């Protein structure tokens, strides 16, 4: 594996984790206020 490919893979994982965590946080926040949408 080349270093460029490893770097790309690393950043993709970081991005996916960040987006997933952000969506999870928003869902929790929305659920606390009102759970009309689940």
PDB file of N, CA and C in Angstrom:
ATOM      1  N   UNK A   1       0.844  -1.203   0.000  1.00  0.00           N
ATOM      2  CA  UNK A   1       0.000   0.000   0.000  1.00  0.00           C
ATOM      3  C   UNK A   1       0.879   1.253   0.000  1.00  0.00           C
ATOM      4  N   UNK A   2       0.468   2.215  -0.769  1.00  0.00           N
ATOM      5  CA  UNK A   2       1.229   3.467  -0.808  1.00  0.00           C
ATOM      6  C   UNK A   2       0.765   4.377   0.322  1.00  0.00           C
ATOM      7  N   UNK A   3       1.614   5.314   0.685  1.00  0.00           N
ATOM      8  CA  UNK A   3       1.275   6.221   1.788  1.00  0.00           C
ATOM      9  C   UNK A   3       0.093   7.101   1.420  1.00  0.00           C
ATOM     10  N   UNK A   4      -0.010   7.476   0.143  1.00  0.00           N
ATOM     11  CA  UNK A   4      -1.114   8.339  -0.294  1.00  0.00           C
ATOM     12  C   UNK A   4      -2.443   7.618  -0.079  1.00  0.00           C
ATOM     13  N   UNK A   5      -2.480   6.331  -0.411  1.00  0.00           N
ATOM     14  CA  UNK A   5      -3.703   5.546  -0.271  1.00  0.00           C
ATOM     15  C   UNK A   5      -4.072   5.412   1.205  1.00  0.00           C
ATOM     16  N   UNK A   6      -3.067   5.170   2.040  1.00  0.00           N
ATOM     17  CA  UNK A   6      -3.320   5.054   3.480  1.00  0.00           C
ATOM     18  C   UNK A   6      -3.839   6.371   4.031  1.00  0.00           C
ATOM     19  N   UNK A   7      -3.254   7.477   3.570  1.00  0.00           N
ATOM     20  CA  UNK A   7      -3.689   8.802   4.011  1.00  0.00           C
ATOM     21  C   UNK A   7      -5.145   9.037   3.626  1.00  0.00           C
ATOM     22  N   UNK A   8      -5.497   8.675   2.397  1.00  0.00           N
ATOM     23  CA  UNK A   8      -6.856   8.854   1.907  1.00  0.00           C
ATOM     24  C   UNK A   8      -7.825   8.026   2.744  1.00  0.00           C
ATOM     25  N   UNK A   9      -7.451   6.776   3.007  1.00  0.00           N
ATOM     26  CA  UNK A   9      -8.293   5.891   3.797  1.00  0.00           C
ATOM     27  C   UNK A   9      -8.525   6.474   5.185  1.00  0.00           C
ATOM     28  N   UNK A  10      -7.453   7.000   5.778  1.00  0.00           N
ATOM     29  CA  UNK A  10      -7.540   7.585   7.114  1.00  0.00           C
ATOM     30  C   UNK A  10      -8.525   8.743   7.136  1.00  0.00           C
ATOM     31  N   UNK A  11      -8.412   9.634   6.142  1.00  0.00           N
ATOM     32  CA  UNK A  11      -9.292  10.805   6.108  1.00  0.00           C
ATOM     33  C   UNK A  11     -10.740  10.417   5.832  1.00  0.00           C
ATOM     34  N   UNK A  12     -10.948   9.367   5.039  1.00  0.00           N
ATOM     35  CA  UNK A  12     -12.309   8.904   4.766  1.00  0.00           C
ATOM     36  C   UNK A  12     -12.947   8.400   6.056  1.00  0.00           C
ATOM     37  N   UNK A  13     -12.168   7.625   6.834  1.00  0.00           N
ATOM     38  CA  UNK A  13     -12.677   7.093   8.100  1.00  0.00           C
ATOM     39  C   UNK A  13     -13.011   8.236   9.051  1.00  0.00           C
ATOM     40  N   UNK A  14     -12.109   9.218   9.148  1.00  0.00           N
ATOM     41  CA  UNK A  14     -12.330  10.366  10.028  1.00  0.00           C
ATOM     42  C   UNK A  14     -13.612  11.095   9.624  1.00  0.00           C
ATOM     43  N   UNK A  15     -13.795  11.291   8.321  1.00  0.00           N
ATOM     44  CA  UNK A  15     -14.966  12.003   7.817  1.00  0.00           C
ATOM     45  C   UNK A  15     -16.255  11.248   8.142  1.00  0.00           C
ATOM     46  N   UNK A  16     -16.241   9.936   7.908  1.00  0.00           N
ATOM     47  CA  UNK A  16     -17.428   9.115   8.164  1.00  0.00           C
ATOM     48  C   UNK A  16     -17.785   9.143   9.647  1.00  0.00           C
ATOM     49  N   UNK A  17     -16.777   9.003  10.503  1.00  0.00           N
ATOM     50  CA  UNK A  17     -17.016   9.013  11.951  1.00  0.00           C
ATOM     51  C   UNK A  17     -17.580  10.366  12.384  1.00  0.00           C
ATOM     52  N   UNK A  18     -17.027  11.449  11.818  1.00  0.00           N
ATOM     53  CA  UNK A  18     -17.480  12.795  12.168  1.00  0.00           C
ATOM     54  C   UNK A  18     -18.940  13.000  11.772  1.00  0.00           C
ATOM     55  N   UNK A  19     -19.278  12.625  10.540  1.00  0.00           N
ATOM     56  CA  UNK A  19     -20.648  12.798  10.052  1.00  0.00           C
ATOM     57  C   UNK A  19     -21.617  11.947  10.871  1.00  0.00           C
ATOM     58  N   UNK A  20     -21.209  10.690  11.153  1.00  0.00           N
ATOM     59  CA  UNK A  20     -22.070   9.790  11.922  1.00  0.00           C
ATOM     60  C   UNK A  20     -22.314  10.344  13.329  1.00  0.00           C
ATOM     61  N   UNK A  21     -21.252  10.811  13.958  1.00  0.00           N
ATOM     62  CA  UNK A  21     -21.367  11.371  15.299  1.00  0.00           C
ATOM     63  C   UNK A  21     -22.245  12.614  15.315  1.00  0.00           C
ATOM     64  N   UNK A  22     -22.107  13.447  14.287  1.00  0.00           N
ATOM     65  CA  UNK A  22     -22.891  14.677  14.212  1.00  0.00           C
ATOM     66  C   UNK A  22     -24.377  14.363  14.072  1.00  0.00           C
ATOM     67  N   UNK A  23     -24.707  13.399  13.204  1.00  0.00           N
ATOM     68  CA  UNK A  23     -26.102  13.015  13.016  1.00  0.00           C
ATOM     69  C   UNK A  23     -26.668  12.433  14.298  1.00  0.00           C
ATOM     70  N   UNK A  24     -25.850  11.623  14.997  1.00  0.00           N
ATOM     71  CA  UNK A  24     -26.287  10.994  16.245  1.00  0.00           C
ATOM     72  C   UNK A  24     -26.572  12.055  17.305  1.00  0.00           C
ATOM     73  N   UNK A  25     -25.706  13.058  17.384  1.00  0.00           N
ATOM     74  CA  UNK A  25     -25.892  14.139  18.356  1.00  0.00           C
ATOM     75  C   UNK A  25     -27.171  14.908  18.053  1.00  0.00           C
ATOM     76  N   UNK A  26     -27.390  15.207  16.772  1.00  0.00           N
ATOM     77  CA  UNK A  26     -28.585  15.965  16.391  1.00  0.00           C
ATOM     78  C   UNK A  26     -29.849  15.179  16.718  1.00  0.00           C
ATOM     79  N   UNK A  27     -29.822  13.869  16.477  1.00  0.00           N
ATOM     80  CA  UNK A  27     -30.982  13.038  16.749  1.00  0.00           C
ATOM     81  C   UNK A  27     -31.282  13.028  18.249  1.00  0.00           C
ATOM     82  N   UNK A  28     -30.219  12.947  19.074  1.00  0.00           N
ATOM     83  CA  UNK A  28     -30.398  12.955  20.531  1.00  0.00           C
ATOM     84  C   UNK A  28     -30.990  14.280  20.995  1.00  0.00           C
ATOM     85  N   UNK A  29     -30.478  15.382  20.437  1.00  0.00           N
ATOM     86  CA  UNK A  29     -30.941  16.713  20.824  1.00  0.00           C
ATOM     87  C   UNK A  29     -32.416  16.883  20.452  1.00  0.00           C
ATOM     88  N   UNK A  30     -32.765  16.424  19.256  1.00  0.00           N
ATOM     89  CA  UNK A  30     -34.136  16.551  18.779  1.00  0.00           C
ATOM     90  C   UNK A  30     -35.062  15.675  19.621  1.00  0.00           C
ATOM     91  N   UNK A  31     -34.575  14.496  20.002  1.00  0.00           N
ATOM     92  CA  UNK A  31     -35.385  13.565  20.785  1.00  0.00           C
ATOM     93  C   UNK A  31     -35.691  14.107  22.164  1.00  0.00           C
ATOM     94  N   UNK A  32     -34.773  14.899  22.716  1.00  0.00           N
ATOM     95  CA  UNK A  32     -34.982  15.453  24.051  1.00  0.00           C
ATOM     96  C   UNK A  32     -36.066  16.531  24.016  1.00  0.00           C
ATOM     97  N   UNK A  33     -36.049  17.370  22.994  1.00  0.00           N
ATOM     98  CA  UNK A  33     -37.015  18.462  22.897  1.00  0.00           C
ATOM     99  C   UNK A  33     -38.417  17.915  22.620  1.00  0.00           C
ATOM    100  N   UNK A  34     -38.520  17.089  21.596  1.00  0.00           N
ATOM    101  CA  UNK A  34     -39.818  16.501  21.240  1.00  0.00           C
ATOM    102  C   UNK A  34     -39.572  15.299  20.327  1.00  0.00           C
ATOM    103  N   UNK A  35     -40.329  14.246  20.514  1.00  0.00           N
ATOM    104  CA  UNK A  35     -40.121  13.099  19.633  1.00  0.00           C
ATOM    105  C   UNK A  35     -41.364  12.868  18.777  1.00  0.00           C
ATOM    106  N   UNK A  36     -41.656  13.861  17.940  1.00  0.00           N
ATOM    107  CA  UNK A  36     -42.724  13.711  16.957  1.00  0.00           C
ATOM    108  C   UNK A  36     -42.169  12.939  15.765  1.00  0.00           C
ATOM    109  N   UNK A  37     -40.858  13.067  15.566  1.00  0.00           N
ATOM    110  CA  UNK A  37     -40.186  12.394  14.455  1.00  0.00           C
ATOM    111  C   UNK A  37     -39.155  11.436  15.042  1.00  0.00           C
ATOM    112  N   UNK A  38     -39.281  10.139  14.706  1.00  0.00           N
ATOM    113  CA  UNK A  38     -38.354   9.172  15.279  1.00  0.00           C
ATOM    114  C   UNK A  38     -37.730   8.312  14.204  1.00  0.00           C
TER     115      UNK A  38
END
